Amino acid sequence: MLEKAMFWKQESSIYTSELNSVNSIFTKLIKRLEKIRTKVLTAKAKNSKQISKLTTENNKLLDIDDSIQAQIKKYEGMMI
């Protein structure tokens, strides 16, 4: 009986060591993934800001185009 207890004690310390090793690997992986996620979110925010800026610029250009179209129609109406 004592032999079984000693065997289990040795085996359990091996399992504990292996689990700690695996946990360490997962912890490193999680930290790397968190760094990647931070970079992705930063890039996304930057892209969203650029999209907003370009959308505003595009809307201004559309307004100018509408104004030009209106002037063209006005002058076409004046032609004989």
PDB file of N, CA and C in Angstrom:
ATOM      1  N   MET A   1       0.820  -1.192   0.000  1.00  0.00           N
ATOM      2  CA  MET A   1       0.000   0.000   0.000  1.00  0.00           C
ATOM      3  C   MET A   1       0.862   1.253   0.000  1.00  0.00           C
ATOM      4  N   LEU A   2       1.934   1.213   0.774  1.00  0.00           N
ATOM      5  CA  LEU A   2       2.851   2.344   0.843  1.00  0.00           C
ATOM      6  C   LEU A   2       3.494   2.586  -0.512  1.00  0.00           C
ATOM      7  N   GLU A   3       3.775   1.505  -1.237  1.00  0.00           N
ATOM      8  CA  GLU A   3       4.375   1.642  -2.567  1.00  0.00           C
ATOM      9  C   GLU A   3       3.423   2.379  -3.507  1.00  0.00           C
ATOM     10  N   LYS A   4       2.132   2.059  -3.444  1.00  0.00           N
ATOM     11  CA  LYS A   4       1.150   2.729  -4.304  1.00  0.00           C
ATOM     12  C   LYS A   4       1.070   4.214  -3.972  1.00  0.00           C
ATOM     13  N   ALA A   5       1.108   4.532  -2.689  1.00  0.00           N
ATOM     14  CA  ALA A   5       1.045   5.936  -2.274  1.00  0.00           C
ATOM     15  C   ALA A   5       2.274   6.687  -2.764  1.00  0.00           C
ATOM     16  N   MET A   6       3.440   6.081  -2.669  1.00  0.00           N
ATOM     17  CA  MET A   6       4.678   6.721  -3.128  1.00  0.00           C
ATOM     18  C   MET A   6       4.652   6.887  -4.644  1.00  0.00           C
ATOM     19  N   PHE A   7       4.147   5.872  -5.338  1.00  0.00           N
ATOM     20  CA  PHE A   7       4.049   5.949  -6.796  1.00  0.00           C
ATOM     21  C   PHE A   7       3.146   7.118  -7.187  1.00  0.00           C
ATOM     22  N   TRP A   8       1.991   7.209  -6.537  1.00  0.00           N
ATOM     23  CA  TRP A   8       1.051   8.286  -6.860  1.00  0.00           C
ATOM     24  C   TRP A   8       1.653   9.651  -6.540  1.00  0.00           C
ATOM     25  N   LYS A   9       2.400   9.749  -5.443  1.00  0.00           N
ATOM     26  CA  LYS A   9       3.027  11.017  -5.067  1.00  0.00           C
ATOM     27  C   LYS A   9       4.017  11.447  -6.144  1.00  0.00           C
ATOM     28  N   GLN A  10       4.818  10.514  -6.642  1.00  0.00           N
ATOM     29  CA  GLN A  10       5.779  10.838  -7.696  1.00  0.00           C
ATOM     30  C   GLN A  10       5.052  11.189  -8.991  1.00  0.00           C
ATOM     31  N   GLU A  11       4.051  10.401  -9.341  1.00  0.00           N
ATOM     32  CA  GLU A  11       3.299  10.647 -10.572  1.00  0.00           C
ATOM     33  C   GLU A  11       2.569  11.991 -10.503  1.00  0.00           C
ATOM     34  N   SER A  12       1.990  12.299  -9.359  1.00  0.00           N
ATOM     35  CA  SER A  12       1.235  13.552  -9.250  1.00  0.00           C
ATOM     36  C   SER A  12       2.157  14.753  -9.397  1.00  0.00           C
ATOM     37  N   SER A  13       3.386  14.660  -8.901  1.00  0.00           N
ATOM     38  CA  SER A  13       4.307  15.787  -9.063  1.00  0.00           C
ATOM     39  C   SER A  13       4.715  15.939 -10.527  1.00  0.00           C
ATOM     40  N   ILE A  14       4.816  14.828 -11.258  1.00  0.00           N
ATOM     41  CA  ILE A  14       5.113  14.889 -12.694  1.00  0.00           C
ATOM     42  C   ILE A  14       3.946  15.549 -13.421  1.00  0.00           C
ATOM     43  N   TYR A  15       2.722  15.137 -13.081  1.00  0.00           N
ATOM     44  CA  TYR A  15       1.538  15.732 -13.718  1.00  0.00           C
ATOM     45  C   TYR A  15       1.439  17.224 -13.408  1.00  0.00           C
ATOM     46  N   THR A  16       1.730  17.571 -12.166  1.00  0.00           N
ATOM     47  CA  THR A  16       1.692  18.976 -11.775  1.00  0.00           C
ATOM     48  C   THR A  16       2.699  19.777 -12.578  1.00  0.00           C
ATOM     49  N   SER A  17       3.882  19.242 -12.740  1.00  0.00           N
ATOM     50  CA  SER A  17       4.920  19.918 -13.518  1.00  0.00           C
ATOM     51  C   SER A  17       4.492  20.078 -14.973  1.00  0.00           C
ATOM     52  N   GLU A  18       3.919  19.026 -15.546  1.00  0.00           N
ATOM     53  CA  GLU A  18       3.460  19.089 -16.933  1.00  0.00           C
ATOM     54  C   GLU A  18       2.322  20.101 -17.093  1.00  0.00           C
ATOM     55  N   LEU A  19       1.401  20.111 -16.138  1.00  0.00           N
ATOM     56  CA  LEU A  19       0.298  21.077 -16.193  1.00  0.00           C
ATOM     57  C   LEU A  19       0.811  22.510 -16.080  1.00  0.00           C
ATOM     58  N   ASN A  20       1.777  22.729 -15.208  1.00  0.00           N
ATOM     59  CA  ASN A  20       2.364  24.059 -15.078  1.00  0.00           C
ATOM     60  C   ASN A  20       3.037  24.483 -16.377  1.00  0.00           C
ATOM     61  N   SER A  21       3.704  23.538 -17.023  1.00  0.00           N
ATOM     62  CA  SER A  21       4.355  23.824 -18.297  1.00  0.00           C
ATOM     63  C   SER A  21       3.330  24.193 -19.365  1.00  0.00           C
ATOM     64  N   VAL A  22       2.263  23.422 -19.434  1.00  0.00           N
ATOM     65  CA  VAL A  22       1.198  23.704 -20.406  1.00  0.00           C
ATOM     66  C   VAL A  22       0.542  25.049 -20.099  1.00  0.00           C
ATOM     67  N   ASN A  23       0.281  25.316 -18.832  1.00  0.00           N
ATOM     68  CA  ASN A  23      -0.317  26.599 -18.449  1.00  0.00           C
ATOM     69  C   ASN A  23       0.584  27.762 -18.832  1.00  0.00           C
ATOM     70  N   SER A  24       1.876  27.581 -18.682  1.00  0.00           N
ATOM     71  CA  SER A  24       2.831  28.621 -19.063  1.00  0.00           C
ATOM     72  C   SER A  24       2.756  28.900 -20.560  1.00  0.00           C
ATOM     73  N   ILE A  25       2.665  27.848 -21.347  1.00  0.00           N
ATOM     74  CA  ILE A  25       2.555  28.001 -22.804  1.00  0.00           C
ATOM     75  C   ILE A  25       1.268  28.744 -23.157  1.00  0.00           C
ATOM     76  N   PHE A  26       0.155  28.348 -22.535  1.00  0.00           N
ATOM     77  CA  PHE A  26      -1.121  29.015 -22.813  1.00  0.00           C
ATOM     78  C   PHE A  26      -1.090  30.481 -22.379  1.00  0.00           C
ATOM     79  N   THR A  27      -0.445  30.757 -21.255  1.00  0.00           N
ATOM     80  CA  THR A  27      -0.339  32.135 -20.784  1.00  0.00           C
ATOM     81  C   THR A  27       0.428  32.986 -21.788  1.00  0.00           C
ATOM     82  N   LYS A  28       1.540  32.464 -22.305  1.00  0.00           N
ATOM     83  CA  LYS A  28       2.318  33.190 -23.316  1.00  0.00           C
ATOM     84  C   LYS A  28       1.495  33.394 -24.581  1.00  0.00           C
ATOM     85  N   LEU A  29       0.770  32.368 -24.991  1.00  0.00           N
ATOM     86  CA  LEU A  29      -0.070  32.462 -26.184  1.00  0.00           C
ATOM     87  C   LEU A  29      -1.153  33.526 -26.008  1.00  0.00           C
ATOM     88  N   ILE A  30      -1.784  33.541 -24.853  1.00  0.00           N
ATOM     89  CA  ILE A  30      -2.831  34.532 -24.577  1.00  0.00           C
ATOM     90  C   ILE A  30      -2.253  35.942 -24.624  1.00  0.00           C
ATOM     91  N   LYS A  31      -1.071  36.139 -24.041  1.00  0.00           N
ATOM     92  CA  LYS A  31      -0.438  37.464 -24.055  1.00  0.00           C
ATOM     93  C   LYS A  31      -0.126  37.900 -25.484  1.00  0.00           C
ATOM     94  N   ARG A  32       0.376  36.989 -26.300  1.00  0.00           N
ATOM     95  CA  ARG A  32       0.667  37.319 -27.702  1.00  0.00           C
ATOM     96  C   ARG A  32      -0.609  37.671 -28.453  1.00  0.00           C
ATOM     97  N   LEU A  33      -1.656  36.892 -28.232  1.00  0.00           N
ATOM     98  CA  LEU A  33      -2.935  37.170 -28.889  1.00  0.00           C
ATOM     99  C   LEU A  33      -3.509  38.514 -28.445  1.00  0.00           C
ATOM    100  N   GLU A  34      -3.341  38.848 -27.167  1.00  0.00           N
ATOM    101  CA  GLU A  34      -3.815  40.144 -26.675  1.00  0.00           C
ATOM    102  C   GLU A  34      -3.053  41.288 -27.335  1.00  0.00           C
ATOM    103  N   LYS A  35      -1.734  41.115 -27.543  1.00  0.00           N
ATOM    104  CA  LYS A  35      -0.943  42.143 -28.233  1.00  0.00           C
ATOM    105  C   LYS A  35      -1.413  42.302 -29.672  1.00  0.00           C
ATOM    106  N   ILE A  36      -1.656  41.184 -30.338  1.00  0.00           N
ATOM    107  CA  ILE A  36      -2.146  41.227 -31.723  1.00  0.00           C
ATOM    108  C   ILE A  36      -3.504  41.914 -31.760  1.00  0.00           C
ATOM    109  N   ARG A  37      -4.370  41.579 -30.827  1.00  0.00           N
ATOM    110  CA  ARG A  37      -5.712  42.178 -30.782  1.00  0.00           C
ATOM    111  C   ARG A  37      -5.622  43.683 -30.575  1.00  0.00           C
ATOM    112  N   THR A  38      -4.717  44.123 -29.709  1.00  0.00           N
ATOM    113  CA  THR A  38      -4.530  45.554 -29.479  1.00  0.00           C
ATOM    114  C   THR A  38      -4.102  46.251 -30.762  1.00  0.00           C
ATOM    115  N   LYS A  39      -3.175  45.639 -31.494  1.00  0.00           N
ATOM    116  CA  LYS A  39      -2.722  46.217 -32.762  1.00  0.00           C
ATOM    117  C   LYS A  39      -3.864  46.274 -33.769  1.00  0.00           C
ATOM    118  N   VAL A  40      -4.666  45.224 -33.821  1.00  0.00           N
ATOM    119  CA  VAL A  40      -5.801  45.181 -34.749  1.00  0.00           C
ATOM    120  C   VAL A  40      -6.811  46.275 -34.402  1.00  0.00           C
ATOM    121  N   LEU A  41      -7.122  46.425 -33.125  1.00  0.00           N
ATOM    122  CA  LEU A  41      -8.089  47.444 -32.713  1.00  0.00           C
ATOM    123  C   LEU A  41      -7.568  48.852 -32.989  1.00  0.00           C
ATOM    124  N   THR A  42      -6.261  49.063 -32.808  1.00  0.00           N
ATOM    125  CA  THR A  42      -5.663  50.360 -33.111  1.00  0.00           C
ATOM    126  C   THR A  42      -5.753  50.652 -34.598  1.00  0.00           C
ATOM    127  N   ALA A  43      -5.429  49.660 -35.424  1.00  0.00           N
ATOM    128  CA  ALA A  43      -5.515  49.828 -36.881  1.00  0.00           C
ATOM    129  C   ALA A  43      -6.957  50.071 -37.307  1.00  0.00           C
ATOM    130  N   LYS A  44      -7.887  49.369 -36.681  1.00  0.00           N
ATOM    131  CA  LYS A  44      -9.309  49.539 -37.006  1.00  0.00           C
ATOM    132  C   LYS A  44      -9.766  50.955 -36.681  1.00  0.00           C
ATOM    133  N   ALA A  45      -9.368  51.467 -35.528  1.00  0.00           N
ATOM    134  CA  ALA A  45      -9.741  52.830 -35.141  1.00  0.00           C
ATOM    135  C   ALA A  45      -9.155  53.840 -36.122  1.00  0.00           C
ATOM    136  N   LYS A  46      -7.909  53.621 -36.511  1.00  0.00           N
ATOM    137  CA  LYS A  46      -7.261  54.513 -37.481  1.00  0.00           C
ATOM    138  C   LYS A  46      -8.001  54.466 -38.816  1.00  0.00           C
ATOM    139  N   ASN A  47      -8.346  53.272 -39.264  1.00  0.00           N
ATOM    140  CA  ASN A  47      -9.083  53.125 -40.522  1.00  0.00           C
ATOM    141  C   ASN A  47     -10.455  53.785 -40.443  1.00  0.00           C
ATOM    142  N   SER A  48     -11.128  53.630 -39.325  1.00  0.00           N
ATOM    143  CA  SER A  48     -12.445  54.244 -39.152  1.00  0.00           C
ATOM    144  C   SER A  48     -12.344  55.761 -39.233  1.00  0.00           C
ATOM    145  N   LYS A  49     -11.295  56.309 -38.648  1.00  0.00           N
ATOM    146  CA  LYS A  49     -11.078  57.758 -38.698  1.00  0.00           C
ATOM    147  C   LYS A  49     -10.844  58.204 -40.137  1.00  0.00           C
ATOM    148  N   GLN A  50     -10.028  57.445 -40.880  1.00  0.00           N
ATOM    149  CA  GLN A  50      -9.772  57.774 -42.285  1.00  0.00           C
ATOM    150  C   GLN A  50     -11.047  57.653 -43.112  1.00  0.00           C
ATOM    151  N   ILE A  51     -11.826  56.624 -42.855  1.00  0.00           N
ATOM    152  CA  ILE A  51     -13.085  56.429 -43.586  1.00  0.00           C
ATOM    153  C   ILE A  51     -14.017  57.611 -43.327  1.00  0.00           C
ATOM    154  N   SER A  52     -14.112  58.037 -42.080  1.00  0.00           N
ATOM    155  CA  SER A  52     -14.964  59.173 -41.736  1.00  0.00           C
ATOM    156  C   SER A  52     -14.504  60.431 -42.460  1.00  0.00           C
ATOM    157  N   LYS A  53     -13.199  60.658 -42.459  1.00  0.00           N
ATOM    158  CA  LYS A  53     -12.635  61.836 -43.133  1.00  0.00           C
ATOM    159  C   LYS A  53     -12.925  61.778 -44.632  1.00  0.00           C
ATOM    160  N   LEU A  54     -12.710  60.617 -45.242  1.00  0.00           N
ATOM    161  CA  LEU A  54     -12.949  60.474 -46.678  1.00  0.00           C
ATOM    162  C   LEU A  54     -14.434  60.568 -47.019  1.00  0.00           C
ATOM    163  N   THR A  55     -15.287  60.079 -46.145  1.00  0.00           N
ATOM    164  CA  THR A  55     -16.731  60.186 -46.365  1.00  0.00           C
ATOM    165  C   THR A  55     -17.155  61.650 -46.361  1.00  0.00           C
ATOM    166  N   THR A  56     -16.630  62.412 -45.413  1.00  0.00           N
ATOM    167  CA  THR A  56     -16.930  63.844 -45.353  1.00  0.00           C
ATOM    168  C   THR A  56     -16.453  64.540 -46.621  1.00  0.00           C
ATOM    169  N   GLU A  57     -15.222  64.225 -47.036  1.00  0.00           N
ATOM    170  CA  GLU A  57     -14.672  64.818 -48.254  1.00  0.00           C
ATOM    171  C   GLU A  57     -15.504  64.421 -49.475  1.00  0.00           C
ATOM    172  N   ASN A  58     -15.896  63.166 -49.529  1.00  0.00           N
ATOM    173  CA  ASN A  58     -16.713  62.676 -50.643  1.00  0.00           C
ATOM    174  C   ASN A  58     -18.065  63.394 -50.691  1.00  0.00           C
ATOM    175  N   ASN A  59     -18.671  63.601 -49.538  1.00  0.00           N
ATOM    176  CA  ASN A  59     -19.951  64.311 -49.486  1.00  0.00           C
ATOM    177  C   ASN A  59     -19.810  65.750 -49.985  1.00  0.00           C
ATOM    178  N   LYS A  60     -18.701  66.400 -49.626  1.00  0.00           N
ATOM    179  CA  LYS A  60     -18.456  67.758 -50.117  1.00  0.00           C
ATOM    180  C   LYS A  60     -18.312  67.761 -51.632  1.00  0.00           C
ATOM    181  N   LEU A  61     -17.587  66.773 -52.163  1.00  0.00           N
ATOM    182  CA  LEU A  61     -17.421  66.680 -53.615  1.00  0.00           C
ATOM    183  C   LEU A  61     -18.753  66.418 -54.310  1.00  0.00           C
ATOM    184  N   LEU A  62     -19.596  65.607 -53.706  1.00  0.00           N
ATOM    185  CA  LEU A  62     -20.926  65.360 -54.273  1.00  0.00           C
ATOM    186  C   LEU A  62     -21.765  66.638 -54.287  1.00  0.00           C
ATOM    187  N   ASP A  63     -21.647  67.441 -53.229  1.00  0.00           N
ATOM    188  CA  ASP A  63     -22.359  68.721 -53.193  1.00  0.00           C
ATOM    189  C   ASP A  63     -21.877  69.645 -54.311  1.00  0.00           C
ATOM    190  N   ILE A  64     -20.569  69.694 -54.520  1.00  0.00           N
ATOM    191  CA  ILE A  64     -20.008  70.509 -55.606  1.00  0.00           C
ATOM    192  C   ILE A  64     -20.511  69.998 -56.946  1.00  0.00           C
ATOM    193  N   ASP A  65     -20.520  68.677 -57.123  1.00  0.00           N
ATOM    194  CA  ASP A  65     -21.008  68.085 -58.372  1.00  0.00           C
ATOM    195  C   ASP A  65     -22.472  68.449 -58.610  1.00  0.00           C
ATOM    196  N   ASP A  66     -23.285  68.376 -57.558  1.00  0.00           N
ATOM    197  CA  ASP A  66     -24.701  68.746 -57.689  1.00  0.00           C
ATOM    198  C   ASP A  66     -24.842  70.208 -58.106  1.00  0.00           C
ATOM    199  N   SER A  67     -24.024  71.061 -57.499  1.00  0.00           N
ATOM    200  CA  SER A  67     -24.066  72.484 -57.835  1.00  0.00           C
ATOM    201  C   SER A  67     -23.675  72.713 -59.295  1.00  0.00           C
ATOM    202  N   ILE A  68     -22.641  72.025 -59.751  1.00  0.00           N
ATOM    203  CA  ILE A  68     -22.197  72.149 -61.146  1.00  0.00           C
ATOM    204  C   ILE A  68     -23.282  71.639 -62.087  1.00  0.00           C
ATOM    205  N   GLN A  69     -23.884  70.516 -61.749  1.00  0.00           N
ATOM    206  CA  GLN A  69     -24.971  69.959 -62.575  1.00  0.00           C
ATOM    207  C   GLN A  69     -26.130  70.956 -62.680  1.00  0.00           C
ATOM    208  N   ALA A  70     -26.452  71.595 -61.562  1.00  0.00           N
ATOM    209  CA  ALA A  70     -27.543  72.577 -61.560  1.00  0.00           C
ATOM    210  C   ALA A  70     -27.199  73.758 -62.461  1.00  0.00           C
ATOM    211  N   GLN A  71     -25.947  74.207 -62.410  1.00  0.00           N
ATOM    212  CA  GLN A  71     -25.521  75.316 -63.271  1.00  0.00           C
ATOM    213  C   GLN A  71     -25.569  74.918 -64.738  1.00  0.00           C
ATOM    214  N   ILE A  72     -25.135  73.691 -65.040  1.00  0.00           N
ATOM    215  CA  ILE A  72     -25.172  73.211 -66.432  1.00  0.00           C
ATOM    216  C   ILE A  72     -26.609  73.215 -66.941  1.00  0.00           C
ATOM    217  N   LYS A  73     -27.525  72.690 -66.147  1.00  0.00           N
ATOM    218  CA  LYS A  73     -28.938  72.658 -66.564  1.00  0.00           C
ATOM    219  C   LYS A  73     -29.482  74.074 -66.749  1.00  0.00           C
ATOM    220  N   LYS A  74     -29.082  74.971 -65.857  1.00  0.00           N
ATOM    221  CA  LYS A  74     -29.524  76.365 -65.948  1.00  0.00           C
ATOM    222  C   LYS A  74     -29.055  76.981 -67.264  1.00  0.00           C
ATOM    223  N   TYR A  75     -27.774  76.783 -67.594  1.00  0.00           N
ATOM    224  CA  TYR A  75     -27.225  77.371 -68.820  1.00  0.00           C
ATOM    225  C   TYR A  75     -27.767  76.679 -70.067  1.00  0.00           C
ATOM    226  N   GLU A  76     -28.028  75.374 -69.954  1.00  0.00           N
ATOM    227  CA  GLU A  76     -28.635  74.676 -71.094  1.00  0.00           C
ATOM    228  C   GLU A  76     -30.030  75.238 -71.377  1.00  0.00           C
ATOM    229  N   GLY A  77     -30.734  75.614 -70.328  1.00  0.00           N
ATOM    230  CA  GLY A  77     -32.066  76.192 -70.488  1.00  0.00           C
ATOM    231  C   GLY A  77     -32.029  77.569 -71.131  1.00  0.00           C
ATOM    232  N   MET A  78     -30.913  78.264 -71.027  1.00  0.00           N
ATOM    233  CA  MET A  78     -30.778  79.594 -71.609  1.00  0.00           C
ATOM    234  C   MET A  78     -30.398  79.545 -73.085  1.00  0.00           C
ATOM    235  N   MET A  79     -29.958  78.370 -73.533  1.00  0.00           N
ATOM    236  CA  MET A  79     -29.531  78.261 -74.936  1.00  0.00           C
ATOM    237  C   MET A  79     -30.751  78.266 -75.853  1.00  0.00           C
ATOM    238  N   ILE A  80     -30.583  78.829 -77.026  1.00  0.00           N
ATOM    239  CA  ILE A  80     -31.670  78.904 -78.011  1.00  0.00           C
ATOM    240  C   ILE A  80     -31.553  77.764 -78.979  1.00  0.00           C
TER     241      ILE A  80
END
